[in-house]
C-alpha cells in the first residue's frame, strides 16, 4: 500500500508541474553575503545555508559539529577564499569527507578567483599580525568584485546542474543589471564625499574605499587581529586630528567602546557598518550595501 501511495503522490506532482519534481541543489556558503548572491543566481533551483552568523567575525567562526553534517550533504560549497576561512574551514572539510566539494571539484566554488586582490604582502611575517599571504579577503563590499563572484557561482552551478544552465545564466544577467544600476546609485550618493578621510577598526574596508574614492587614514588595531593598545590609540588620535578624519567604521563583532573612546577625543562619529546581510540591515546583499552606503553618507554629511 505504501508503494502505491508514493507512486500516486509522484504522479500528482508530475501532473501538476508537467515534469518530475527534482530536488534542489544543496548549497553551503561560508558567509551570509556569499549565500545571498548564491540565492540570486540559483533562484528556486537551490537551497542555500550560511555557516557564519551575520554578526560573527568570518575569520573566527564557531565551527560547530553540525557543520560537518551540513558539509557532508552539500552539492556545492562557496568560500570566500584568500585565506578568509583558513582558521576554521579546513578541519570541517576534512571531517565532512565529501568529494563533491573537494578542491578542484565543480561543487567547490572559491569566490576570490578572478578578483584582483589588494594588499598582497611582499613577504610573509606573522609578527605583522594576522596578515593574509594571498591579499585582503574583504572584497565583497566592492560591487564590481561581486560581479566576478556571481559569475563564478553561475559557472559552477551550470557545471553541477547543466540542465538548468540557462536559468543560472539568466539569473546572472538580471543580477548584473540590477547591480550596475545600484552601483551607479551608490556612487552618486557618496560622490559629495570624494576623498573623505575614514578610520576603521580592522583593515576590512580598503575595497570600499577604493571603489567610492574614500581615504583610509588608519585602523584602531595596531596590526590585523591584534587588540588596540593605549599607545597605538594615541597615535590614531593624532593621525585623525592631523587629517581631519571624522568617521570610524565598526563591525558588530568589533569593540565599539574602543571606537567611542577615540571618537570622543577627536569629535568623530562611530558608524555601525556590518559587511554581512542579516545584521540588522536587511536580508540581501543589496539591502546590506544600501544600508552601508546610506549610513556612511549620513555620517560623513554630519561632519561637514
C-alpha atoms as a PDB file:
ATOM      1  CA  UNK A   1       0.000   0.000   0.000  1.00  0.00           C
ATOM      2  CA  UNK A   2       2.829   2.429   0.862  1.00  0.00           C
ATOM      3  CA  UNK A   3       4.490   1.999  -2.523  1.00  0.00           C
ATOM      4  CA  UNK A   4       1.161   2.588  -4.291  1.00  0.00           C
ATOM      5  CA  UNK A   5       0.604   5.751  -2.253  1.00  0.00           C
ATOM      6  CA  UNK A   6       4.109   7.044  -3.051  1.00  0.00           C
ATOM      7  CA  UNK A   7       3.591   6.384  -6.735  1.00  0.00           C
ATOM      8  CA  UNK A   8       0.276   8.228  -6.644  1.00  0.00           C
ATOM      9  CA  UNK A   9       1.870  11.247  -4.981  1.00  0.00           C
ATOM     10  CA  UNK A  10       4.641  11.260  -7.560  1.00  0.00           C
ATOM     11  CA  UNK A  11       2.032  11.139 -10.354  1.00  0.00           C
ATOM     12  CA  UNK A  12       0.200  14.110  -8.821  1.00  0.00           C
ATOM     13  CA  UNK A  13       3.469  16.086  -8.660  1.00  0.00           C
ATOM     14  CA  UNK A  14       4.225  15.328 -12.305  1.00  0.00           C
ATOM     15  CA  UNK A  15       0.685  16.171 -13.380  1.00  0.00           C
ATOM     16  CA  UNK A  16       0.719  19.469 -11.518  1.00  0.00           C
ATOM     17  CA  UNK A  17       4.047  20.671 -12.860  1.00  0.00           C
ATOM     18  CA  UNK A  18       4.357  18.853 -16.166  1.00  0.00           C
ATOM     19  CA  UNK A  19       7.673  17.300 -15.097  1.00  0.00           C
ATOM     20  CA  UNK A  20       9.076  15.246 -12.219  1.00  0.00           C
ATOM     21  CA  UNK A  21       9.938  17.175  -9.052  1.00  0.00           C
ATOM     22  CA  UNK A  22      13.733  17.491  -8.853  1.00  0.00           C
ATOM     23  CA  UNK A  23      15.450  18.068  -5.527  1.00  0.00           C
ATOM     24  CA  UNK A  24      17.041  21.473  -5.075  1.00  0.00           C
ATOM     25  CA  UNK A  25      20.809  21.787  -5.176  1.00  0.00           C
ATOM     26  CA  UNK A  26      22.136  21.902  -1.624  1.00  0.00           C
ATOM     27  CA  UNK A  27      24.485  24.868  -1.375  1.00  0.00           C
ATOM     28  CA  UNK A  28      26.562  25.825   1.643  1.00  0.00           C
ATOM     29  CA  UNK A  29      28.173  29.280   1.822  1.00  0.00           C
ATOM     30  CA  UNK A  30      30.680  30.207   4.474  1.00  0.00           C
ATOM     31  CA  UNK A  31      29.224  33.696   4.988  1.00  0.00           C
ATOM     32  CA  UNK A  32      25.793  35.340   4.573  1.00  0.00           C
ATOM     33  CA  UNK A  33      26.922  37.712   1.800  1.00  0.00           C
ATOM     34  CA  UNK A  34      28.033  34.777  -0.356  1.00  0.00           C
ATOM     35  CA  UNK A  35      24.796  32.972   0.489  1.00  0.00           C
ATOM     36  CA  UNK A  36      22.764  35.979  -0.640  1.00  0.00           C
ATOM     37  CA  UNK A  37      24.488  36.115  -4.038  1.00  0.00           C
ATOM     38  CA  UNK A  38      24.049  32.348  -4.430  1.00  0.00           C
ATOM     39  CA  UNK A  39      20.290  32.711  -3.895  1.00  0.00           C
ATOM     40  CA  UNK A  40      20.153  35.420  -6.548  1.00  0.00           C
ATOM     41  CA  UNK A  41      21.908  33.162  -9.063  1.00  0.00           C
ATOM     42  CA  UNK A  42      20.288  29.869  -8.107  1.00  0.00           C
ATOM     43  CA  UNK A  43      16.725  31.077  -7.590  1.00  0.00           C
ATOM     44  CA  UNK A  44      14.306  28.282  -6.766  1.00  0.00           C
ATOM     45  CA  UNK A  45      16.771  25.671  -8.016  1.00  0.00           C
ATOM     46  CA  UNK A  46      18.913  25.945  -4.870  1.00  0.00           C
ATOM     47  CA  UNK A  47      18.617  25.640  -1.107  1.00  0.00           C
ATOM     48  CA  UNK A  48      21.313  27.818   0.447  1.00  0.00           C
ATOM     49  CA  UNK A  49      22.577  27.907   4.021  1.00  0.00           C
ATOM     50  CA  UNK A  50      25.356  30.058   5.508  1.00  0.00           C
ATOM     51  CA  UNK A  51      27.691  28.722   8.183  1.00  0.00           C
ATOM     52  CA  UNK A  52      28.755  32.028   9.764  1.00  0.00           C
ATOM     53  CA  UNK A  53      26.279  34.221  11.581  1.00  0.00           C
ATOM     54  CA  UNK A  54      25.780  37.767  10.231  1.00  0.00           C
ATOM     55  CA  UNK A  55      27.312  39.238  13.392  1.00  0.00           C
ATOM     56  CA  UNK A  56      30.237  36.804  13.532  1.00  0.00           C
ATOM     57  CA  UNK A  57      33.834  37.537  12.549  1.00  0.00           C
ATOM     58  CA  UNK A  58      34.351  35.460   9.368  1.00  0.00           C
ATOM     59  CA  UNK A  59      37.967  34.882  10.416  1.00  0.00           C
ATOM     60  CA  UNK A  60      36.927  33.182  13.649  1.00  0.00           C
ATOM     61  CA  UNK A  61      33.656  31.329  13.122  1.00  0.00           C
ATOM     62  CA  UNK A  62      32.440  28.955  15.832  1.00  0.00           C
ATOM     63  CA  UNK A  63      32.931  25.668  13.951  1.00  0.00           C
ATOM     64  CA  UNK A  64      30.026  23.594  15.271  1.00  0.00           C
ATOM     65  CA  UNK A  65      29.991  19.795  14.833  1.00  0.00           C
ATOM     66  CA  UNK A  66      26.679  20.148  12.971  1.00  0.00           C
ATOM     67  CA  UNK A  67      28.576  21.949  10.206  1.00  0.00           C
ATOM     68  CA  UNK A  68      30.289  18.663   9.347  1.00  0.00           C
ATOM     69  CA  UNK A  69      26.933  17.052   8.608  1.00  0.00           C
ATOM     70  CA  UNK A  70      25.833  20.087   6.591  1.00  0.00           C
ATOM     71  CA  UNK A  71      29.015  19.967   4.510  1.00  0.00           C
ATOM     72  CA  UNK A  72      28.774  16.201   4.054  1.00  0.00           C
ATOM     73  CA  UNK A  73      25.378  16.606   2.387  1.00  0.00           C
ATOM     74  CA  UNK A  74      26.288  19.642   0.268  1.00  0.00           C
ATOM     75  CA  UNK A  75      26.292  19.626  -3.531  1.00  0.00           C
ATOM     76  CA  UNK A  76      28.254  22.894  -3.569  1.00  0.00           C
ATOM     77  CA  UNK A  77      30.369  24.929  -1.171  1.00  0.00           C
ATOM     78  CA  UNK A  78      31.051  28.636  -1.686  1.00  0.00           C
ATOM     79  CA  UNK A  79      34.001  30.011   0.273  1.00  0.00           C
ATOM     80  CA  UNK A  80      35.457  33.498   0.193  1.00  0.00           C
ATOM     81  CA  UNK A  81      38.981  32.257  -0.368  1.00  0.00           C
ATOM     82  CA  UNK A  82      42.124  34.375   0.084  1.00  0.00           C
ATOM     83  CA  UNK A  83      42.503  32.625   3.459  1.00  0.00           C
ATOM     84  CA  UNK A  84      39.384  34.271   4.911  1.00  0.00           C
ATOM     85  CA  UNK A  85      38.219  30.966   6.442  1.00  0.00           C
ATOM     86  CA  UNK A  86      41.668  29.431   6.947  1.00  0.00           C
ATOM     87  CA  UNK A  87      41.303  29.240  10.719  1.00  0.00           C
ATOM     88  CA  UNK A  88      38.150  27.116  10.810  1.00  0.00           C
ATOM     89  CA  UNK A  89      37.025  25.650   7.471  1.00  0.00           C
ATOM     90  CA  UNK A  90      39.774  23.084   6.609  1.00  0.00           C
ATOM     91  CA  UNK A  91      39.156  20.773   9.624  1.00  0.00           C
ATOM     92  CA  UNK A  92      35.420  20.770   8.877  1.00  0.00           C
ATOM     93  CA  UNK A  93      36.019  19.774   5.266  1.00  0.00           C
ATOM     94  CA  UNK A  94      38.428  17.038   6.272  1.00  0.00           C
ATOM     95  CA  UNK A  95      35.838  15.502   8.571  1.00  0.00           C
ATOM     96  CA  UNK A  96      32.942  16.001   6.143  1.00  0.00           C
ATOM     97  CA  UNK A  97      34.585  13.670   3.588  1.00  0.00           C
ATOM     98  CA  UNK A  98      32.527  14.966   0.674  1.00  0.00           C
ATOM     99  CA  UNK A  99      34.185  14.616  -2.709  1.00  0.00           C
ATOM    100  CA  UNK A 100      31.535  16.808  -4.356  1.00  0.00           C
ATOM    101  CA  UNK A 101      33.021  19.852  -2.621  1.00  0.00           C
ATOM    102  CA  UNK A 102      36.657  18.784  -2.636  1.00  0.00           C
ATOM    103  CA  UNK A 103      39.376  21.017  -4.071  1.00  0.00           C
ATOM    104  CA  UNK A 104      39.008  21.211  -7.856  1.00  0.00           C
ATOM    105  CA  UNK A 105      35.518  19.671  -7.934  1.00  0.00           C
ATOM    106  CA  UNK A 106      32.669  21.538  -9.696  1.00  0.00           C
ATOM    107  CA  UNK A 107      30.999  21.879  -6.311  1.00  0.00           C
ATOM    108  CA  UNK A 108      33.921  23.790  -4.792  1.00  0.00           C
ATOM    109  CA  UNK A 109      33.453  27.488  -5.524  1.00  0.00           C
ATOM    110  CA  UNK A 110      36.161  29.921  -4.436  1.00  0.00           C
ATOM    111  CA  UNK A 111      34.692  33.413  -4.631  1.00  0.00           C
ATOM    112  CA  UNK A 112      38.044  35.197  -4.855  1.00  0.00           C
ATOM    113  CA  UNK A 113      39.038  33.521  -8.134  1.00  0.00           C
ATOM    114  CA  UNK A 114      39.496  36.167 -10.828  1.00  0.00           C
ATOM    115  CA  UNK A 115      39.484  39.102  -8.413  1.00  0.00           C
ATOM    116  CA  UNK A 116      42.472  41.433  -8.308  1.00  0.00           C
ATOM    117  CA  UNK A 117      43.155  41.321  -4.595  1.00  0.00           C
ATOM    118  CA  UNK A 118      44.554  44.316  -2.764  1.00  0.00           C
ATOM    119  CA  UNK A 119      47.383  44.392  -0.234  1.00  0.00           C
ATOM    120  CA  UNK A 120      49.242  41.236  -1.226  1.00  0.00           C
ATOM    121  CA  UNK A 121      52.250  41.249   1.141  1.00  0.00           C
ATOM    122  CA  UNK A 122      55.740  41.233  -0.336  1.00  0.00           C
ATOM    123  CA  UNK A 123      56.860  38.962   2.500  1.00  0.00           C
ATOM    124  CA  UNK A 124      55.011  36.718   4.936  1.00  0.00           C
ATOM    125  CA  UNK A 125      55.774  37.597   8.533  1.00  0.00           C
ATOM    126  CA  UNK A 126      53.445  36.639  11.399  1.00  0.00           C
ATOM    127  CA  UNK A 127      54.987  39.350  13.554  1.00  0.00           C
ATOM    128  CA  UNK A 128      52.992  41.776  11.406  1.00  0.00           C
ATOM    129  CA  UNK A 129      49.741  40.301  12.747  1.00  0.00           C
ATOM    130  CA  UNK A 130      47.080  38.142  11.142  1.00  0.00           C
ATOM    131  CA  UNK A 131      48.007  39.005   7.577  1.00  0.00           C
ATOM    132  CA  UNK A 132      46.815  37.113   4.507  1.00  0.00           C
ATOM    133  CA  UNK A 133      49.517  35.915   2.144  1.00  0.00           C
ATOM    134  CA  UNK A 134      47.121  35.999  -0.844  1.00  0.00           C
ATOM    135  CA  UNK A 135      45.826  39.515  -0.232  1.00  0.00           C
ATOM    136  CA  UNK A 136      42.994  41.252   1.603  1.00  0.00           C
ATOM    137  CA  UNK A 137      39.897  38.976   1.594  1.00  0.00           C
ATOM    138  CA  UNK A 138      37.249  41.646   2.355  1.00  0.00           C
ATOM    139  CA  UNK A 139      36.314  42.290  -1.282  1.00  0.00           C
ATOM    140  CA  UNK A 140      32.557  41.742  -1.073  1.00  0.00           C
ATOM    141  CA  UNK A 141      31.902  45.426  -0.307  1.00  0.00           C
ATOM    142  CA  UNK A 142      33.118  46.262  -3.813  1.00  0.00           C
ATOM    143  CA  UNK A 143      30.139  45.687  -6.140  1.00  0.00           C
ATOM    144  CA  UNK A 144      32.475  45.317  -9.132  1.00  0.00           C
ATOM    145  CA  UNK A 145      34.167  42.389  -7.388  1.00  0.00           C
ATOM    146  CA  UNK A 146      30.773  40.878  -6.586  1.00  0.00           C
ATOM    147  CA  UNK A 147      30.015  40.660 -10.313  1.00  0.00           C
ATOM    148  CA  UNK A 148      33.032  38.346 -10.617  1.00  0.00           C
ATOM    149  CA  UNK A 149      31.831  36.316  -7.635  1.00  0.00           C
ATOM    150  CA  UNK A 150      28.365  35.962  -9.189  1.00  0.00           C
ATOM    151  CA  UNK A 151      29.887  34.775 -12.465  1.00  0.00           C
ATOM    152  CA  UNK A 152      31.995  32.186 -10.606  1.00  0.00           C
ATOM    153  CA  UNK A 153      28.870  30.889  -8.874  1.00  0.00           C
ATOM    154  CA  UNK A 154      26.814  30.734 -12.087  1.00  0.00           C
ATOM    155  CA  UNK A 155      29.580  28.864 -13.918  1.00  0.00           C
ATOM    156  CA  UNK A 156      29.860  26.242 -11.200  1.00  0.00           C
ATOM    157  CA  UNK A 157      26.098  25.846 -10.804  1.00  0.00           C
ATOM    158  CA  UNK A 158      25.896  25.205 -14.551  1.00  0.00           C
ATOM    159  CA  UNK A 159      28.575  22.520 -14.272  1.00  0.00           C
ATOM    160  CA  UNK A 160      26.820  20.792 -11.402  1.00  0.00           C
ATOM    161  CA  UNK A 161      23.337  21.078 -12.932  1.00  0.00           C
ATOM    162  CA  UNK A 162      23.787  21.523 -16.716  1.00  0.00           C
ATOM    163  CA  UNK A 163      20.081  21.039 -17.456  1.00  0.00           C
ATOM    164  CA  UNK A 164      19.374  24.343 -15.697  1.00  0.00           C
ATOM    165  CA  UNK A 165      22.416  26.245 -17.015  1.00  0.00           C
ATOM    166  CA  UNK A 166      20.186  28.665 -18.935  1.00  0.00           C
ATOM    167  CA  UNK A 167      18.332  29.501 -15.727  1.00  0.00           C
ATOM    168  CA  UNK A 168      21.538  30.274 -13.845  1.00  0.00           C
ATOM    169  CA  UNK A 169      22.920  32.376 -16.700  1.00  0.00           C
ATOM    170  CA  UNK A 170      19.642  34.261 -16.995  1.00  0.00           C
ATOM    171  CA  UNK A 171      19.630  34.961 -13.272  1.00  0.00           C
ATOM    172  CA  UNK A 172      23.231  36.148 -13.549  1.00  0.00           C
ATOM    173  CA  UNK A 173      22.286  38.615 -16.280  1.00  0.00           C
ATOM    174  CA  UNK A 174      19.421  40.006 -14.207  1.00  0.00           C
ATOM    175  CA  UNK A 175      21.629  40.227 -11.124  1.00  0.00           C
ATOM    176  CA  UNK A 176      24.348  42.106 -13.015  1.00  0.00           C
ATOM    177  CA  UNK A 177      21.836  44.522 -14.498  1.00  0.00           C
ATOM    178  CA  UNK A 178      20.477  45.369 -11.069  1.00  0.00           C
ATOM    179  CA  UNK A 179      23.963  45.580  -9.588  1.00  0.00           C
ATOM    180  CA  UNK A 180      25.119  48.010 -12.278  1.00  0.00           C
ATOM    181  CA  UNK A 181      22.115  50.209 -11.585  1.00  0.00           C
ATOM    182  CA  UNK A 182      22.637  50.114  -7.822  1.00  0.00           C
ATOM    183  CA  UNK A 183      26.376  50.807  -8.151  1.00  0.00           C
ATOM    184  CA  UNK A 184      25.612  53.978 -10.094  1.00  0.00           C
ATOM    185  CA  UNK A 185      23.155  54.962  -7.358  1.00  0.00           C
ATOM    186  CA  UNK A 186      25.636  54.236  -4.560  1.00  0.00           C
ATOM    187  CA  UNK A 187      28.393  56.169  -6.326  1.00  0.00           C
ATOM    188  CA  UNK A 188      26.084  59.149  -6.730  1.00  0.00           C
ATOM    189  CA  UNK A 189      25.179  59.029  -3.022  1.00  0.00           C
ATOM    190  CA  UNK A 190      28.832  59.064  -1.958  1.00  0.00           C
ATOM    191  CA  UNK A 191      30.103  61.401  -4.686  1.00  0.00           C
ATOM    192  CA  UNK A 192      29.859  64.522  -2.455  1.00  0.00           C
ATOM    193  CA  UNK A 193      32.310  62.887  -0.032  1.00  0.00           C
ATOM    194  CA  UNK A 194      35.033  62.020  -2.531  1.00  0.00           C
ATOM    195  CA  UNK A 195      38.388  61.954  -0.742  1.00  0.00           C
ATOM    196  CA  UNK A 196      36.786  61.914   2.718  1.00  0.00           C
ATOM    197  CA  UNK A 197      39.032  60.518   5.452  1.00  0.00           C
ATOM    198  CA  UNK A 198      37.849  57.432   7.332  1.00  0.00           C
ATOM    199  CA  UNK A 199      39.214  55.213  10.097  1.00  0.00           C
ATOM    200  CA  UNK A 200      38.295  51.550  10.528  1.00  0.00           C
ATOM    201  CA  UNK A 201      38.704  49.102  13.389  1.00  0.00           C
ATOM    202  CA  UNK A 202      40.231  46.309  11.281  1.00  0.00           C
ATOM    203  CA  UNK A 203      41.612  46.651   7.759  1.00  0.00           C
ATOM    204  CA  UNK A 204      38.343  45.427   6.269  1.00  0.00           C
ATOM    205  CA  UNK A 205      37.248  48.367   4.077  1.00  0.00           C
ATOM    206  CA  UNK A 206      40.025  49.018   1.520  1.00  0.00           C
ATOM    207  CA  UNK A 207      37.868  47.756  -1.362  1.00  0.00           C
ATOM    208  CA  UNK A 208      35.003  50.030  -0.358  1.00  0.00           C
ATOM    209  CA  UNK A 209      37.397  52.971  -0.027  1.00  0.00           C
ATOM    210  CA  UNK A 210      38.902  52.323  -3.456  1.00  0.00           C
ATOM    211  CA  UNK A 211      35.560  51.898  -5.217  1.00  0.00           C
ATOM    212  CA  UNK A 212      33.970  55.007  -3.699  1.00  0.00           C
ATOM    213  CA  UNK A 213      37.052  57.252  -3.608  1.00  0.00           C
ATOM    214  CA  UNK A 214      37.472  57.433   0.158  1.00  0.00           C
ATOM    215  CA  UNK A 215      40.781  57.715   2.011  1.00  0.00           C
ATOM    216  CA  UNK A 216      41.667  55.307   4.819  1.00  0.00           C
ATOM    217  CA  UNK A 217      43.743  57.109   7.442  1.00  0.00           C
ATOM    218  CA  UNK A 218      44.397  54.360   9.982  1.00  0.00           C
ATOM    219  CA  UNK A 219      42.971  51.346  11.860  1.00  0.00           C
ATOM    220  CA  UNK A 220      42.297  51.011  15.569  1.00  0.00           C
ATOM    221  CA  UNK A 221      44.084  47.661  15.517  1.00  0.00           C
ATOM    222  CA  UNK A 222      47.860  48.198  15.531  1.00  0.00           C
ATOM    223  CA  UNK A 223      48.192  45.069  13.400  1.00  0.00           C
ATOM    224  CA  UNK A 224      45.481  42.816  11.885  1.00  0.00           C
ATOM    225  CA  UNK A 225      43.913  40.728  14.639  1.00  0.00           C
ATOM    226  CA  UNK A 226      45.869  42.452  17.439  1.00  0.00           C
ATOM    227  CA  UNK A 227      43.860  44.286  20.122  1.00  0.00           C
ATOM    228  CA  UNK A 228      44.429  48.069  20.270  1.00  0.00           C
ATOM    229  CA  UNK A 229      46.948  49.298  22.839  1.00  0.00           C
ATOM    230  CA  UNK A 230      46.735  52.719  24.541  1.00  0.00           C
ATOM    231  CA  UNK A 231      49.918  53.790  22.758  1.00  0.00           C
ATOM    232  CA  UNK A 232      48.535  52.862  19.357  1.00  0.00           C
ATOM    233  CA  UNK A 233      45.202  54.559  20.038  1.00  0.00           C
ATOM    234  CA  UNK A 234      47.050  57.730  20.982  1.00  0.00           C
ATOM    235  CA  UNK A 235      48.814  57.527  17.621  1.00  0.00           C
ATOM    236  CA  UNK A 236      45.489  57.031  15.810  1.00  0.00           C
ATOM    237  CA  UNK A 237      44.006  60.032  17.608  1.00  0.00           C
ATOM    238  CA  UNK A 238      46.938  62.126  16.447  1.00  0.00           C
ATOM    239  CA  UNK A 239      46.510  60.901  12.855  1.00  0.00           C
ATOM    240  CA  UNK A 240      42.801  61.653  12.916  1.00  0.00           C
ATOM    241  CA  UNK A 241      43.342  65.184  14.198  1.00  0.00           C
ATOM    242  CA  UNK A 242      46.090  65.839  11.662  1.00  0.00           C
ATOM    243  CA  UNK A 243      43.974  64.551   8.759  1.00  0.00           C
ATOM    244  CA  UNK A 244      40.592  65.803   9.993  1.00  0.00           C
ATOM    245  CA  UNK A 245      39.196  62.257   9.915  1.00  0.00           C
ATOM    246  CA  UNK A 246      35.753  62.332  11.495  1.00  0.00           C
ATOM    247  CA  UNK A 247      34.297  58.864  10.865  1.00  0.00           C
ATOM    248  CA  UNK A 248      35.155  55.473  12.413  1.00  0.00           C
ATOM    249  CA  UNK A 249      33.652  52.318  10.857  1.00  0.00           C
ATOM    250  CA  UNK A 250      32.960  49.393  13.197  1.00  0.00           C
ATOM    251  CA  UNK A 251      31.505  45.938  12.569  1.00  0.00           C
ATOM    252  CA  UNK A 252      29.231  44.116  15.075  1.00  0.00           C
ATOM    253  CA  UNK A 253      31.944  41.793  16.407  1.00  0.00           C
ATOM    254  CA  UNK A 254      34.448  44.616  16.985  1.00  0.00           C
ATOM    255  CA  UNK A 255      34.865  46.643  20.184  1.00  0.00           C
ATOM    256  CA  UNK A 256      32.593  49.647  19.764  1.00  0.00           C
ATOM    257  CA  UNK A 257      33.539  51.076  23.158  1.00  0.00           C
ATOM    258  CA  UNK A 258      37.126  51.475  21.995  1.00  0.00           C
ATOM    259  CA  UNK A 259      35.913  53.303  18.898  1.00  0.00           C
ATOM    260  CA  UNK A 260      33.699  55.552  21.024  1.00  0.00           C
ATOM    261  CA  UNK A 261      36.655  56.430  23.261  1.00  0.00           C
ATOM    262  CA  UNK A 262      38.639  57.556  20.223  1.00  0.00           C
ATOM    263  CA  UNK A 263      35.610  59.374  18.811  1.00  0.00           C
ATOM    264  CA  UNK A 264      35.138  61.426  21.982  1.00  0.00           C
ATOM    265  CA  UNK A 265      38.697  62.707  21.728  1.00  0.00           C
ATOM    266  CA  UNK A 266      38.524  63.542  18.021  1.00  0.00           C
ATOM    267  CA  UNK A 267      34.936  64.703  17.556  1.00  0.00           C
ATOM    268  CA  UNK A 268      34.336  61.773  15.222  1.00  0.00           C
ATOM    269  CA  UNK A 269      31.186  59.741  14.561  1.00  0.00           C
ATOM    270  CA  UNK A 270      31.182  55.968  15.075  1.00  0.00           C
ATOM    271  CA  UNK A 271      29.341  54.208  12.267  1.00  0.00           C
ATOM    272  CA  UNK A 272      27.943  50.693  12.602  1.00  0.00           C
ATOM    273  CA  UNK A 273      28.997  49.183   9.264  1.00  0.00           C
ATOM    274  CA  UNK A 274      28.265  45.439   9.101  1.00  0.00           C
ATOM    275  CA  UNK A 275      29.527  43.749   5.948  1.00  0.00           C
ATOM    276  CA  UNK A 276      27.045  40.878   6.198  1.00  0.00           C
ATOM    277  CA  UNK A 277      23.329  40.956   5.362  1.00  0.00           C
ATOM    278  CA  UNK A 278      21.148  39.916   8.264  1.00  0.00           C
ATOM    279  CA  UNK A 279      22.931  42.065  10.857  1.00  0.00           C
ATOM    280  CA  UNK A 280      20.002  44.441  11.234  1.00  0.00           C
ATOM    281  CA  UNK A 281      20.495  45.672   7.679  1.00  0.00           C
ATOM    282  CA  UNK A 282      18.121  43.560   5.588  1.00  0.00           C
ATOM    283  CA  UNK A 283      18.472  40.043   4.272  1.00  0.00           C
ATOM    284  CA  UNK A 284      20.079  40.533   0.855  1.00  0.00           C
ATOM    285  CA  UNK A 285      23.372  41.816  -0.499  1.00  0.00           C
ATOM    286  CA  UNK A 286      21.548  44.811  -1.955  1.00  0.00           C
ATOM    287  CA  UNK A 287      19.974  45.584   1.428  1.00  0.00           C
ATOM    288  CA  UNK A 288      23.377  45.382   3.110  1.00  0.00           C
ATOM    289  CA  UNK A 289      25.042  47.727   0.627  1.00  0.00           C
ATOM    290  CA  UNK A 290      22.085  50.146   0.687  1.00  0.00           C
ATOM    291  CA  UNK A 291      22.401  50.351   4.457  1.00  0.00           C
ATOM    292  CA  UNK A 292      26.186  50.704   4.385  1.00  0.00           C
ATOM    293  CA  UNK A 293      26.208  53.476   1.783  1.00  0.00           C
ATOM    294  CA  UNK A 294      23.301  55.357   3.371  1.00  0.00           C
ATOM    295  CA  UNK A 295      24.804  55.150   6.876  1.00  0.00           C
ATOM    296  CA  UNK A 296      28.229  56.209   5.642  1.00  0.00           C
ATOM    297  CA  UNK A 297      26.802  59.164   3.723  1.00  0.00           C
ATOM    298  CA  UNK A 298      24.837  60.258   6.776  1.00  0.00           C
ATOM    299  CA  UNK A 299      27.909  60.038   8.988  1.00  0.00           C
ATOM    300  CA  UNK A 300      30.121  61.927   6.551  1.00  0.00           C
ATOM    301  CA  UNK A 301      27.421  64.502   5.925  1.00  0.00           C
ATOM    302  CA  UNK A 302      27.039  65.202   9.633  1.00  0.00           C
ATOM    303  CA  UNK A 303      30.706  66.183   9.782  1.00  0.00           C
ATOM    304  CA  UNK A 304      30.549  68.798   7.008  1.00  0.00           C
END
